[in-house]
């Protein structure tokens, strides 16, 4: 096996001379379960045989009277490089959301960089959403979605890179007039960036800015003509028009110690100033860092945010510790 390293992108992984990619984190997976673990059952279904990609579906075990349920479409984070719907951190989080919100969830697997540079992840996510919406008339290939999904209550959400992609999926849904219209978009600690800081409070440190740029330009999206000013990454600082965002309401969550905090706040401000007509809610946890709710899910602040996330889906307040 080749041992000569040609590129190292810590903390995510290494690329060897023979092209092999070694991921250093985010590789653990756990299987789905039809046992009512935590009162939720799960299963994997292939949505793209061409690319061997699946979604993981989560369903409350006790759905009294077979009621139609809100549908959460979740796009995981991991810098477009690591993690999957099958990672313990995402499997467990989505399971907990499904139990508390009494919703159906579909967590999307997508091709990851560096083997599959951007825009592959975006193309796959859109393909998965189209596949999910093929069930809207009740005649899709998966009974769980046909039988339980309420397509008038569809929510798309994600964290970090997944939050970035969730925004772009909602923009594409509006452009392509996806029907029924998405109810809500949850953008949690979004990975938005650009060559220049968005304001005087944004990260000014050159080493930090170049480090983030390097992950995007050399690993995740080496084909971007404009580097970190690619509109896929520079959502806030670019001239992109938010007026066509294809949803009714947006939850924007930021963390005060996250390098992306000013980008997230700038995103919310840009959305509120745009001609998009919908409701924007901003949630700030000043003393927390990037994806703290996944890294330390039992903390008081994580529980508080979790309740807010569930409330966004259900439309009513909850209190889950």
C-alpha atoms as a PDB file:
ATOM      1  CA  UNK A   1       0.000   0.000   0.000  1.00  0.00           C
ATOM      2  CA  UNK A   2       1.298   3.445  -0.967  1.00  0.00           C
ATOM      3  CA  UNK A   3       2.646   5.384   2.023  1.00  0.00           C
ATOM      4  CA  UNK A   4       3.926   8.600   0.417  1.00  0.00           C
ATOM      5  CA  UNK A   5       1.655  11.501   1.338  1.00  0.00           C
ATOM      6  CA  UNK A   6       1.133  14.150  -1.326  1.00  0.00           C
ATOM      7  CA  UNK A   7      -1.420  16.236   0.540  1.00  0.00           C
ATOM      8  CA  UNK A   8      -2.508  16.522   4.155  1.00  0.00           C
ATOM      9  CA  UNK A   9      -5.659  18.397   5.119  1.00  0.00           C
ATOM     10  CA  UNK A  10      -5.892  18.160   8.877  1.00  0.00           C
ATOM     11  CA  UNK A  11      -7.966  17.368  10.819  1.00  0.00           C
ATOM     12  CA  UNK A  12      -9.887  15.705   8.002  1.00  0.00           C
ATOM     13  CA  UNK A  13      -7.461  13.427   6.186  1.00  0.00           C
ATOM     14  CA  UNK A  14      -4.595  12.730   3.801  1.00  0.00           C
ATOM     15  CA  UNK A  15      -4.144  11.995   0.108  1.00  0.00           C
ATOM     16  CA  UNK A  16      -1.461   9.486  -0.906  1.00  0.00           C
ATOM     17  CA  UNK A  17       0.600   9.350  -4.082  1.00  0.00           C
ATOM     18  CA  UNK A  18      -1.532   6.548  -5.537  1.00  0.00           C
ATOM     19  CA  UNK A  19      -4.663   8.660  -5.088  1.00  0.00           C
ATOM     20  CA  UNK A  20      -5.895   6.877  -1.984  1.00  0.00           C
ATOM     21  CA  UNK A  21      -7.729   9.072   0.508  1.00  0.00           C
ATOM     22  CA  UNK A  22      -7.416   8.384   4.234  1.00  0.00           C
ATOM     23  CA  UNK A  23     -10.044  10.072   6.394  1.00  0.00           C
ATOM     24  CA  UNK A  24      -8.879  10.606   9.950  1.00  0.00           C
ATOM     25  CA  UNK A  25     -12.288  11.284  11.459  1.00  0.00           C
ATOM     26  CA  UNK A  26     -15.956  10.934  10.635  1.00  0.00           C
ATOM     27  CA  UNK A  27     -15.633   7.397   9.296  1.00  0.00           C
ATOM     28  CA  UNK A  28     -17.511   5.399  11.937  1.00  0.00           C
ATOM     29  CA  UNK A  29     -20.939   4.119  10.907  1.00  0.00           C
ATOM     30  CA  UNK A  30     -23.801   2.446  12.701  1.00  0.00           C
ATOM     31  CA  UNK A  31     -26.510   0.372  11.040  1.00  0.00           C
ATOM     32  CA  UNK A  32     -30.186   1.275  10.810  1.00  0.00           C
ATOM     33  CA  UNK A  33     -32.584  -0.609  13.039  1.00  0.00           C
ATOM     34  CA  UNK A  34     -36.152  -1.790  12.679  1.00  0.00           C
ATOM     35  CA  UNK A  35     -36.192  -2.429  16.422  1.00  0.00           C
ATOM     36  CA  UNK A  36     -37.879   0.488  18.138  1.00  0.00           C
ATOM     37  CA  UNK A  37     -34.638   1.850  19.554  1.00  0.00           C
ATOM     38  CA  UNK A  38     -35.423   5.114  21.287  1.00  0.00           C
ATOM     39  CA  UNK A  39     -38.978   4.710  19.919  1.00  0.00           C
ATOM     40  CA  UNK A  40     -37.717   5.322  16.381  1.00  0.00           C
ATOM     41  CA  UNK A  41     -37.144   2.829  13.553  1.00  0.00           C
ATOM     42  CA  UNK A  42     -34.757   3.445  10.663  1.00  0.00           C
ATOM     43  CA  UNK A  43     -33.783   1.938   7.346  1.00  0.00           C
ATOM     44  CA  UNK A  44     -31.561   2.738   4.358  1.00  0.00           C
ATOM     45  CA  UNK A  45     -32.898   3.029   0.825  1.00  0.00           C
ATOM     46  CA  UNK A  46     -30.891   3.568  -2.365  1.00  0.00           C
ATOM     47  CA  UNK A  47     -31.946   6.705  -4.232  1.00  0.00           C
ATOM     48  CA  UNK A  48     -29.129   6.731  -6.803  1.00  0.00           C
ATOM     49  CA  UNK A  49     -28.003   3.387  -8.148  1.00  0.00           C
ATOM     50  CA  UNK A  50     -25.686   5.241 -10.538  1.00  0.00           C
ATOM     51  CA  UNK A  51     -23.590   6.587  -7.666  1.00  0.00           C
ATOM     52  CA  UNK A  52     -24.537   3.955  -5.049  1.00  0.00           C
ATOM     53  CA  UNK A  53     -26.059   6.560  -2.739  1.00  0.00           C
ATOM     54  CA  UNK A  54     -28.689   6.009  -0.073  1.00  0.00           C
ATOM     55  CA  UNK A  55     -30.876   7.952   2.283  1.00  0.00           C
ATOM     56  CA  UNK A  56     -31.480   6.909   5.862  1.00  0.00           C
ATOM     57  CA  UNK A  57     -35.142   7.117   6.832  1.00  0.00           C
ATOM     58  CA  UNK A  58     -36.322   7.600  10.406  1.00  0.00           C
ATOM     59  CA  UNK A  59     -39.900   6.978  11.546  1.00  0.00           C
ATOM     60  CA  UNK A  60     -41.541   7.211  14.988  1.00  0.00           C
ATOM     61  CA  UNK A  61     -42.376   3.670  16.057  1.00  0.00           C
ATOM     62  CA  UNK A  62     -45.740   4.572  17.528  1.00  0.00           C
ATOM     63  CA  UNK A  63     -47.541   6.738  15.007  1.00  0.00           C
ATOM     64  CA  UNK A  64     -51.055   6.569  16.337  1.00  0.00           C
ATOM     65  CA  UNK A  65     -53.799   6.353  13.693  1.00  0.00           C
ATOM     66  CA  UNK A  66     -51.172   6.406  10.944  1.00  0.00           C
ATOM     67  CA  UNK A  67     -51.274  10.209  10.877  1.00  0.00           C
ATOM     68  CA  UNK A  68     -49.368  12.129   8.234  1.00  0.00           C
ATOM     69  CA  UNK A  69     -46.200  13.603   9.722  1.00  0.00           C
ATOM     70  CA  UNK A  70     -43.962  16.604   9.052  1.00  0.00           C
ATOM     71  CA  UNK A  71     -41.039  15.627   6.831  1.00  0.00           C
ATOM     72  CA  UNK A  72     -37.489  16.678   7.705  1.00  0.00           C
ATOM     73  CA  UNK A  73     -34.893  16.407   4.950  1.00  0.00           C
ATOM     74  CA  UNK A  74     -31.485  16.567   6.641  1.00  0.00           C
ATOM     75  CA  UNK A  75     -28.139  17.315   4.971  1.00  0.00           C
ATOM     76  CA  UNK A  76     -25.146  16.502   7.176  1.00  0.00           C
ATOM     77  CA  UNK A  77     -22.035  18.611   7.666  1.00  0.00           C
ATOM     78  CA  UNK A  78     -18.358  17.690   7.623  1.00  0.00           C
ATOM     79  CA  UNK A  79     -16.655  20.220   5.318  1.00  0.00           C
ATOM     80  CA  UNK A  80     -17.923  18.299   2.254  1.00  0.00           C
ATOM     81  CA  UNK A  81     -15.232  15.751   3.162  1.00  0.00           C
ATOM     82  CA  UNK A  82     -16.200  13.617   6.173  1.00  0.00           C
ATOM     83  CA  UNK A  83     -19.241  12.151   7.958  1.00  0.00           C
ATOM     84  CA  UNK A  84     -22.423  10.631   6.514  1.00  0.00           C
ATOM     85  CA  UNK A  85     -26.054   9.994   7.505  1.00  0.00           C
ATOM     86  CA  UNK A  86     -24.763   6.735   8.977  1.00  0.00           C
ATOM     87  CA  UNK A  87     -22.277   8.423  11.351  1.00  0.00           C
ATOM     88  CA  UNK A  88     -23.252   7.995  15.005  1.00  0.00           C
ATOM     89  CA  UNK A  89     -23.290  11.767  15.537  1.00  0.00           C
ATOM     90  CA  UNK A  90     -25.916  12.265  12.802  1.00  0.00           C
ATOM     91  CA  UNK A  91     -27.860   9.038  13.251  1.00  0.00           C
ATOM     92  CA  UNK A  92     -28.325   9.791  16.939  1.00  0.00           C
ATOM     93  CA  UNK A  93     -29.202  13.444  16.446  1.00  0.00           C
ATOM     94  CA  UNK A  94     -31.801  12.814  13.758  1.00  0.00           C
ATOM     95  CA  UNK A  95     -33.255   9.945  15.795  1.00  0.00           C
ATOM     96  CA  UNK A  96     -33.703  12.308  18.731  1.00  0.00           C
ATOM     97  CA  UNK A  97     -35.347  14.952  16.520  1.00  0.00           C
ATOM     98  CA  UNK A  98     -37.758  12.415  15.044  1.00  0.00           C
ATOM     99  CA  UNK A  99     -38.755  11.176  18.477  1.00  0.00           C
ATOM    100  CA  UNK A 100     -39.345  14.656  19.879  1.00  0.00           C
ATOM    101  CA  UNK A 101     -40.924  16.267  16.808  1.00  0.00           C
ATOM    102  CA  UNK A 102     -42.927  13.176  15.820  1.00  0.00           C
ATOM    103  CA  UNK A 103     -41.804  13.625  12.246  1.00  0.00           C
ATOM    104  CA  UNK A 104     -40.489  11.487   9.424  1.00  0.00           C
ATOM    105  CA  UNK A 105     -36.869  12.245   8.511  1.00  0.00           C
ATOM    106  CA  UNK A 106     -34.800  11.519   5.426  1.00  0.00           C
ATOM    107  CA  UNK A 107     -31.058  12.018   5.889  1.00  0.00           C
ATOM    108  CA  UNK A 108     -29.146  12.364   2.614  1.00  0.00           C
ATOM    109  CA  UNK A 109     -25.898  10.674   1.643  1.00  0.00           C
ATOM    110  CA  UNK A 110     -23.918  12.562  -0.990  1.00  0.00           C
ATOM    111  CA  UNK A 111     -20.603  12.097  -2.743  1.00  0.00           C
ATOM    112  CA  UNK A 112     -17.753  13.736  -0.842  1.00  0.00           C
ATOM    113  CA  UNK A 113     -14.549  15.512  -1.720  1.00  0.00           C
ATOM    114  CA  UNK A 114     -11.743  15.043  -2.542  1.00  0.00           C
ATOM    115  CA  UNK A 115     -12.709  11.974  -4.595  1.00  0.00           C
ATOM    116  CA  UNK A 116     -15.796  13.806  -5.849  1.00  0.00           C
ATOM    117  CA  UNK A 117     -15.203  17.563  -5.760  1.00  0.00           C
ATOM    118  CA  UNK A 118     -17.996  20.117  -5.525  1.00  0.00           C
ATOM    119  CA  UNK A 119     -20.497  20.448  -7.167  1.00  0.00           C
ATOM    120  CA  UNK A 120     -21.083  16.656  -6.810  1.00  0.00           C
ATOM    121  CA  UNK A 121     -22.486  17.033  -3.269  1.00  0.00           C
ATOM    122  CA  UNK A 122     -24.971  19.677  -4.435  1.00  0.00           C
ATOM    123  CA  UNK A 123     -26.040  17.645  -7.456  1.00  0.00           C
ATOM    124  CA  UNK A 124     -26.591  14.575  -5.296  1.00  0.00           C
ATOM    125  CA  UNK A 125     -28.566  16.502  -2.676  1.00  0.00           C
ATOM    126  CA  UNK A 126     -30.872  17.923  -5.334  1.00  0.00           C
ATOM    127  CA  UNK A 127     -31.264  14.485  -6.906  1.00  0.00           C
ATOM    128  CA  UNK A 128     -32.251  13.104  -3.496  1.00  0.00           C
ATOM    129  CA  UNK A 129     -34.795  15.890  -2.962  1.00  0.00           C
ATOM    130  CA  UNK A 130     -36.338  15.205  -6.357  1.00  0.00           C
ATOM    131  CA  UNK A 131     -36.496  11.516  -5.468  1.00  0.00           C
ATOM    132  CA  UNK A 132     -38.166  12.317  -2.137  1.00  0.00           C
ATOM    133  CA  UNK A 133     -40.717  14.576  -3.830  1.00  0.00           C
ATOM    134  CA  UNK A 134     -41.538  11.812  -6.317  1.00  0.00           C
ATOM    135  CA  UNK A 135     -43.565  10.435  -3.379  1.00  0.00           C
ATOM    136  CA  UNK A 136     -45.724  13.555  -3.044  1.00  0.00           C
ATOM    137  CA  UNK A 137     -48.659  11.959  -4.864  1.00  0.00           C
ATOM    138  CA  UNK A 138     -48.331   8.753  -2.830  1.00  0.00           C
ATOM    139  CA  UNK A 139     -46.924   6.658  -5.656  1.00  0.00           C
ATOM    140  CA  UNK A 140     -43.192   6.705  -4.921  1.00  0.00           C
ATOM    141  CA  UNK A 141     -41.030   3.613  -4.371  1.00  0.00           C
ATOM    142  CA  UNK A 142     -40.886   3.824  -0.552  1.00  0.00           C
ATOM    143  CA  UNK A 143     -43.995   3.104   1.518  1.00  0.00           C
ATOM    144  CA  UNK A 144     -42.782   5.003   4.566  1.00  0.00           C
ATOM    145  CA  UNK A 145     -42.689   8.232   2.585  1.00  0.00           C
ATOM    146  CA  UNK A 146     -45.900   7.504   0.665  1.00  0.00           C
ATOM    147  CA  UNK A 147     -47.815   6.638   3.798  1.00  0.00           C
ATOM    148  CA  UNK A 148     -46.511   9.083   6.388  1.00  0.00           C
ATOM    149  CA  UNK A 149     -44.992  12.195   4.781  1.00  0.00           C
ATOM    150  CA  UNK A 150     -47.088  15.348   4.825  1.00  0.00           C
ATOM    151  CA  UNK A 151     -45.736  17.258   1.848  1.00  0.00           C
ATOM    152  CA  UNK A 152     -47.383  20.464   3.017  1.00  0.00           C
ATOM    153  CA  UNK A 153     -44.988  20.371   5.991  1.00  0.00           C
ATOM    154  CA  UNK A 154     -41.547  19.742   4.496  1.00  0.00           C
ATOM    155  CA  UNK A 155     -38.457  21.129   6.216  1.00  0.00           C
ATOM    156  CA  UNK A 156     -34.909  21.114   4.880  1.00  0.00           C
ATOM    157  CA  UNK A 157     -32.084  21.558   7.351  1.00  0.00           C
ATOM    158  CA  UNK A 158     -28.432  20.953   7.945  1.00  0.00           C
ATOM    159  CA  UNK A 159     -25.349  22.064   9.821  1.00  0.00           C
ATOM    160  CA  UNK A 160     -22.079  23.596   8.614  1.00  0.00           C
ATOM    161  CA  UNK A 161     -21.502  22.418   5.017  1.00  0.00           C
ATOM    162  CA  UNK A 162     -24.954  20.845   5.183  1.00  0.00           C
ATOM    163  CA  UNK A 163     -26.447  24.217   6.146  1.00  0.00           C
ATOM    164  CA  UNK A 164     -24.731  25.777   3.149  1.00  0.00           C
ATOM    165  CA  UNK A 165     -26.194  23.100   0.872  1.00  0.00           C
ATOM    166  CA  UNK A 166     -29.628  23.383   2.489  1.00  0.00           C
ATOM    167  CA  UNK A 167     -29.722  27.072   1.516  1.00  0.00           C
ATOM    168  CA  UNK A 168     -28.792  26.246  -2.063  1.00  0.00           C
ATOM    169  CA  UNK A 169     -31.374  23.451  -2.207  1.00  0.00           C
ATOM    170  CA  UNK A 170     -34.082  25.901  -1.100  1.00  0.00           C
ATOM    171  CA  UNK A 171     -32.902  28.386  -3.725  1.00  0.00           C
ATOM    172  CA  UNK A 172     -33.081  25.700  -6.398  1.00  0.00           C
ATOM    173  CA  UNK A 173     -36.490  24.590  -5.151  1.00  0.00           C
ATOM    174  CA  UNK A 174     -37.724  28.130  -5.708  1.00  0.00           C
ATOM    175  CA  UNK A 175     -36.104  28.416  -9.124  1.00  0.00           C
ATOM    176  CA  UNK A 176     -37.490  25.105 -10.337  1.00  0.00           C
ATOM    177  CA  UNK A 177     -40.832  25.633  -8.597  1.00  0.00           C
ATOM    178  CA  UNK A 178     -40.629  22.460  -6.544  1.00  0.00           C
ATOM    179  CA  UNK A 179     -44.143  21.499  -5.507  1.00  0.00           C
ATOM    180  CA  UNK A 180     -45.503  21.429  -2.867  1.00  0.00           C
ATOM    181  CA  UNK A 181     -43.504  24.396  -1.584  1.00  0.00           C
ATOM    182  CA  UNK A 182     -41.039  23.778   1.245  1.00  0.00           C
ATOM    183  CA  UNK A 183     -42.382  24.938   4.592  1.00  0.00           C
ATOM    184  CA  UNK A 184     -39.139  25.755   6.364  1.00  0.00           C
ATOM    185  CA  UNK A 185     -35.357  25.945   6.036  1.00  0.00           C
ATOM    186  CA  UNK A 186     -33.021  25.460   9.025  1.00  0.00           C
ATOM    187  CA  UNK A 187     -29.540  26.886   8.487  1.00  0.00           C
ATOM    188  CA  UNK A 188     -27.388  25.867  11.450  1.00  0.00           C
ATOM    189  CA  UNK A 189     -23.846  27.290  11.789  1.00  0.00           C
ATOM    190  CA  UNK A 190     -23.634  27.680   7.998  1.00  0.00           C
ATOM    191  CA  UNK A 191     -20.289  27.275   6.255  1.00  0.00           C
ATOM    192  CA  UNK A 192     -20.341  30.480   4.213  1.00  0.00           C
ATOM    193  CA  UNK A 193     -17.090  32.291   3.419  1.00  0.00           C
ATOM    194  CA  UNK A 194     -15.384  34.682   1.039  1.00  0.00           C
ATOM    195  CA  UNK A 195     -12.055  36.269   0.209  1.00  0.00           C
ATOM    196  CA  UNK A 196     -12.888  39.333   2.303  1.00  0.00           C
ATOM    197  CA  UNK A 197     -14.522  39.570   5.752  1.00  0.00           C
ATOM    198  CA  UNK A 198     -18.230  40.475   5.653  1.00  0.00           C
ATOM    199  CA  UNK A 199     -17.756  43.169   8.305  1.00  0.00           C
ATOM    200  CA  UNK A 200     -15.248  44.504  10.839  1.00  0.00           C
ATOM    201  CA  UNK A 201     -16.256  41.820  13.332  1.00  0.00           C
ATOM    202  CA  UNK A 202     -15.663  38.932  10.945  1.00  0.00           C
ATOM    203  CA  UNK A 203     -12.448  36.896  11.182  1.00  0.00           C
ATOM    204  CA  UNK A 204      -9.511  39.166  10.302  1.00  0.00           C
ATOM    205  CA  UNK A 205      -6.655  36.756  11.084  1.00  0.00           C
ATOM    206  CA  UNK A 206      -4.920  35.967   7.798  1.00  0.00           C
ATOM    207  CA  UNK A 207      -3.823  32.474   8.843  1.00  0.00           C
ATOM    208  CA  UNK A 208      -7.353  31.445   9.822  1.00  0.00           C
ATOM    209  CA  UNK A 209      -8.828  32.861   6.639  1.00  0.00           C
ATOM    210  CA  UNK A 210      -6.225  31.173   4.439  1.00  0.00           C
ATOM    211  CA  UNK A 211      -6.727  27.861   6.255  1.00  0.00           C
ATOM    212  CA  UNK A 212     -10.450  27.848   5.485  1.00  0.00           C
ATOM    213  CA  UNK A 213      -9.762  28.973   1.922  1.00  0.00           C
ATOM    214  CA  UNK A 214      -7.290  26.131   1.456  1.00  0.00           C
ATOM    215  CA  UNK A 215      -9.828  23.471   2.439  1.00  0.00           C
ATOM    216  CA  UNK A 216     -12.282  24.887  -0.121  1.00  0.00           C
ATOM    217  CA  UNK A 217      -9.846  25.621  -2.944  1.00  0.00           C
ATOM    218  CA  UNK A 218      -7.552  22.605  -2.698  1.00  0.00           C
ATOM    219  CA  UNK A 219      -9.776  19.846  -1.324  1.00  0.00           C
ATOM    220  CA  UNK A 220     -13.510  20.500  -1.478  1.00  0.00           C
ATOM    221  CA  UNK A 221     -13.847  22.581  -4.635  1.00  0.00           C
ATOM    222  CA  UNK A 222     -10.596  22.810  -6.607  1.00  0.00           C
ATOM    223  CA  UNK A 223     -12.522  23.583  -9.791  1.00  0.00           C
ATOM    224  CA  UNK A 224     -14.040  26.823  -8.446  1.00  0.00           C
ATOM    225  CA  UNK A 225     -13.044  29.595 -10.846  1.00  0.00           C
ATOM    226  CA  UNK A 226     -13.335  32.289  -8.183  1.00  0.00           C
ATOM    227  CA  UNK A 227     -11.938  30.301  -5.259  1.00  0.00           C
ATOM    228  CA  UNK A 228     -13.688  31.226  -2.025  1.00  0.00           C
ATOM    229  CA  UNK A 229     -15.721  33.832  -3.902  1.00  0.00           C
ATOM    230  CA  UNK A 230     -17.544  31.025  -5.673  1.00  0.00           C
ATOM    231  CA  UNK A 231     -21.248  31.849  -5.122  1.00  0.00           C
ATOM    232  CA  UNK A 232     -21.698  28.384  -3.614  1.00  0.00           C
ATOM    233  CA  UNK A 233     -19.375  29.420  -0.762  1.00  0.00           C
ATOM    234  CA  UNK A 234     -19.593  33.213  -0.757  1.00  0.00           C
ATOM    235  CA  UNK A 235     -23.345  33.370  -0.222  1.00  0.00           C
ATOM    236  CA  UNK A 236     -23.321  36.531   1.883  1.00  0.00           C
ATOM    237  CA  UNK A 237     -20.738  38.646   0.087  1.00  0.00           C
ATOM    238  CA  UNK A 238     -21.771  37.765  -3.461  1.00  0.00           C
ATOM    239  CA  UNK A 239     -24.523  39.495  -5.427  1.00  0.00           C
ATOM    240  CA  UNK A 240     -26.772  36.433  -5.198  1.00  0.00           C
ATOM    241  CA  UNK A 241     -30.470  37.294  -5.048  1.00  0.00           C
ATOM    242  CA  UNK A 242     -32.440  35.698  -2.210  1.00  0.00           C
ATOM    243  CA  UNK A 243     -35.866  36.801  -3.437  1.00  0.00           C
ATOM    244  CA  UNK A 244     -36.552  33.410  -5.017  1.00  0.00           C
ATOM    245  CA  UNK A 245     -35.843  31.346  -1.896  1.00  0.00           C
ATOM    246  CA  UNK A 246     -38.351  28.508  -2.133  1.00  0.00           C
ATOM    247  CA  UNK A 247     -39.694  28.260   1.412  1.00  0.00           C
ATOM    248  CA  UNK A 248     -41.991  30.034   3.847  1.00  0.00           C
ATOM    249  CA  UNK A 249     -39.753  30.478   6.901  1.00  0.00           C
ATOM    250  CA  UNK A 250     -36.088  30.246   7.857  1.00  0.00           C
ATOM    251  CA  UNK A 251     -34.328  29.437  11.119  1.00  0.00           C
ATOM    252  CA  UNK A 252     -30.740  30.727  11.247  1.00  0.00           C
ATOM    253  CA  UNK A 253     -28.614  29.453  14.137  1.00  0.00           C
ATOM    254  CA  UNK A 254     -25.161  30.833  14.970  1.00  0.00           C
ATOM    255  CA  UNK A 255     -22.616  30.362  17.746  1.00  0.00           C
ATOM    256  CA  UNK A 256     -20.621  33.275  19.096  1.00  0.00           C
ATOM    257  CA  UNK A 257     -17.260  31.442  19.129  1.00  0.00           C
ATOM    258  CA  UNK A 258     -17.708  29.936  15.654  1.00  0.00           C
ATOM    259  CA  UNK A 259     -15.512  31.305  12.846  1.00  0.00           C
ATOM    260  CA  UNK A 260     -18.662  31.405  10.703  1.00  0.00           C
ATOM    261  CA  UNK A 261     -20.734  33.468  13.159  1.00  0.00           C
ATOM    262  CA  UNK A 262     -20.561  36.772  11.269  1.00  0.00           C
ATOM    263  CA  UNK A 263     -21.335  34.983   8.023  1.00  0.00           C
ATOM    264  CA  UNK A 264     -24.436  33.458   9.587  1.00  0.00           C
ATOM    265  CA  UNK A 265     -25.625  36.777  10.970  1.00  0.00           C
ATOM    266  CA  UNK A 266     -24.858  38.433   7.638  1.00  0.00           C
ATOM    267  CA  UNK A 267     -26.919  35.775   5.898  1.00  0.00           C
ATOM    268  CA  UNK A 268     -29.918  36.476   8.114  1.00  0.00           C
ATOM    269  CA  UNK A 269     -29.566  40.231   7.577  1.00  0.00           C
ATOM    270  CA  UNK A 270     -29.262  39.824   3.818  1.00  0.00           C
ATOM    271  CA  UNK A 271     -32.337  37.602   3.777  1.00  0.00           C
ATOM    272  CA  UNK A 272     -34.369  40.107   5.793  1.00  0.00           C
ATOM    273  CA  UNK A 273     -33.363  42.936   3.432  1.00  0.00           C
ATOM    274  CA  UNK A 274     -34.180  40.935   0.311  1.00  0.00           C
ATOM    275  CA  UNK A 275     -37.486  40.823  -1.534  1.00  0.00           C
ATOM    276  CA  UNK A 276     -38.144  37.316  -0.258  1.00  0.00           C
ATOM    277  CA  UNK A 277     -41.379  37.316   1.682  1.00  0.00           C
ATOM    278  CA  UNK A 278     -41.107  34.972   4.617  1.00  0.00           C
ATOM    279  CA  UNK A 279     -40.292  34.808   8.312  1.00  0.00           C
ATOM    280  CA  UNK A 280     -36.691  34.766   9.587  1.00  0.00           C
ATOM    281  CA  UNK A 281     -35.775  33.716  13.111  1.00  0.00           C
ATOM    282  CA  UNK A 282     -32.203  34.024  14.414  1.00  0.00           C
ATOM    283  CA  UNK A 283     -30.911  31.986  17.352  1.00  0.00           C
ATOM    284  CA  UNK A 284     -27.573  32.978  18.914  1.00  0.00           C
ATOM    285  CA  UNK A 285     -25.568  31.107  21.529  1.00  0.00           C
ATOM    286  CA  UNK A 286     -22.790  33.577  22.330  1.00  0.00           C
ATOM    287  CA  UNK A 287     -20.519  31.311  24.401  1.00  0.00           C
ATOM    288  CA  UNK A 288     -20.573  28.266  22.132  1.00  0.00           C
ATOM    289  CA  UNK A 289     -18.519  27.093  19.159  1.00  0.00           C
ATOM    290  CA  UNK A 290     -19.154  25.432  15.833  1.00  0.00           C
ATOM    291  CA  UNK A 291     -21.771  22.613  15.956  1.00  0.00           C
ATOM    292  CA  UNK A 292     -21.647  22.571  19.756  1.00  0.00           C
ATOM    293  CA  UNK A 293     -25.071  20.908  19.790  1.00  0.00           C
ATOM    294  CA  UNK A 294     -23.592  17.848  18.081  1.00  0.00           C
ATOM    295  CA  UNK A 295     -20.269  17.818  19.929  1.00  0.00           C
ATOM    296  CA  UNK A 296     -21.834  18.164  23.386  1.00  0.00           C
ATOM    297  CA  UNK A 297     -25.508  17.238  22.932  1.00  0.00           C
ATOM    298  CA  UNK A 298     -26.303  16.941  26.636  1.00  0.00           C
ATOM    299  CA  UNK A 299     -25.267  20.469  27.582  1.00  0.00           C
ATOM    300  CA  UNK A 300     -27.826  23.043  28.676  1.00  0.00           C
ATOM    301  CA  UNK A 301     -27.268  25.187  25.593  1.00  0.00           C
ATOM    302  CA  UNK A 302     -27.505  22.156  23.285  1.00  0.00           C
ATOM    303  CA  UNK A 303     -30.802  21.169  24.899  1.00  0.00           C
ATOM    304  CA  UNK A 304     -32.083  24.712  24.503  1.00  0.00           C
ATOM    305  CA  UNK A 305     -31.195  24.773  20.825  1.00  0.00           C
ATOM    306  CA  UNK A 306     -32.618  21.291  20.303  1.00  0.00           C
ATOM    307  CA  UNK A 307     -35.949  22.465  21.682  1.00  0.00           C
ATOM    308  CA  UNK A 308     -35.891  25.418  19.292  1.00  0.00           C
ATOM    309  CA  UNK A 309     -35.122  23.146  16.336  1.00  0.00           C
ATOM    310  CA  UNK A 310     -37.990  20.809  17.227  1.00  0.00           C
ATOM    311  CA  UNK A 311     -40.334  23.762  17.733  1.00  0.00           C
ATOM    312  CA  UNK A 312     -39.408  25.015  14.254  1.00  0.00           C
ATOM    313  CA  UNK A 313     -40.683  21.732  12.820  1.00  0.00           C
ATOM    314  CA  UNK A 314     -43.759  21.242  15.002  1.00  0.00           C
ATOM    315  CA  UNK A 315     -44.850  24.859  15.237  1.00  0.00           C
ATOM    316  CA  UNK A 316     -45.282  24.551  19.008  1.00  0.00           C
ATOM    317  CA  UNK A 317     -42.963  24.874  21.963  1.00  0.00           C
ATOM    318  CA  UNK A 318     -41.360  21.839  23.548  1.00  0.00           C
ATOM    319  CA  UNK A 319     -39.049  21.079  26.430  1.00  0.00           C
ATOM    320  CA  UNK A 320     -36.739  18.133  25.902  1.00  0.00           C
ATOM    321  CA  UNK A 321     -33.679  17.685  28.099  1.00  0.00           C
END
